[in-house]
Amino acid sequence: MSEERGLIEYLNEYLSGGQVQLPVSNMAGLRLRQEISRADANPKEIERLIMTDQALTAQVLKIANSAFYRGLHKVTSVREAILRLGMLEISNIITLVTQKQAFRSQDPFIAELLEKLWQHSVACAVGAQWLAQSCNFRMILNEAFLAGLLHDIGKLFLLTVMETTQLSEKFDLRFNPQVVQQALADLHTEYGYSLLKSWNFPEVYYQVAHEHHRENYDFKNDLLVIVRMADQTCRKMGIGSGVDPGILLGATPEATLLGLSEIAIAELQIKMEDSLFLADME
């Protein structure tokens, strides 16, 4: 049996044996997103919810004053941040701040993979939302950002399992990155699907997690098409672990379905490159 197959079979056996408790999603961040997405969202209530978490408050202000968002004057309160950036950007910031803590590890090998995964996830989130805005799918701007951020959550789960079960010692993973990458590629869509479903996410999100690599997929699913386009753009640009510079983005079915010109694709790449600043914020 190859080492690659051995790792994949071990993971499948371990996970199917019911030995793993699926992690609970960051509910504070999700509650805030739900409140913000309401048509009658109350800025004062959003401010109150943010300020119940000192760490979240500090991060919101730090990011609001970063080069990515900064205006002429420094933001000194959550209320100012909401007024300057608007609900959509505040929602994005909250989601990034509350989810980033999951992408950490004490194991240097796993930590490096998680950092690349986080960069890929943030770029896909920003890219997917930009595509939704640019291609007149404004009704799903929030969904596009979150679907882009979570489409590879199965990889996060699997890397967490590898660390907690000390697989790095059992399989000496530090010297076999290709083995780990293949295991992640083979398993992440199935476990991402299961994870989001267990969290009672709407079906649109776990469909994206499940089908974003399939050759045959529902091309009428606008959210799925958008995330697939963002994902392929990341791979073209080398953002994350999966790199494929040979992808002709303008020739992809997704670019055709979305009606993207070469100029639009270039703008998308610039937006996703800029997003790395957000991914690296501490």
Foldseek 3Di string as FASTA:
>chain_A
DDLLVVVLVVLVVCVVVPPDDQDAALVLLVVLLVLLPDPPRDLVVSQVSQVVDVVSFVQLQVVCCDPVNNDPDRDDGPSVSCVRPPSLVSSLSSVLVRPVVLLDDPDPQLNVQSLLLLLQLLLLLQLLLVLCVVLVVPVCSVVLNVLSNLLQVLLSVSSVVCVVVVVCVVSVCSVPVVSSVVSSVVPRLVSSLVSCVVNVDPPLNNLLSNPLPPPDDDLVSLSNLSSNLSNVLCQCVVRHDRHDVPDPSCPDPSCVSSVPDPVNSVVSNVSSVVSSVVSPDD
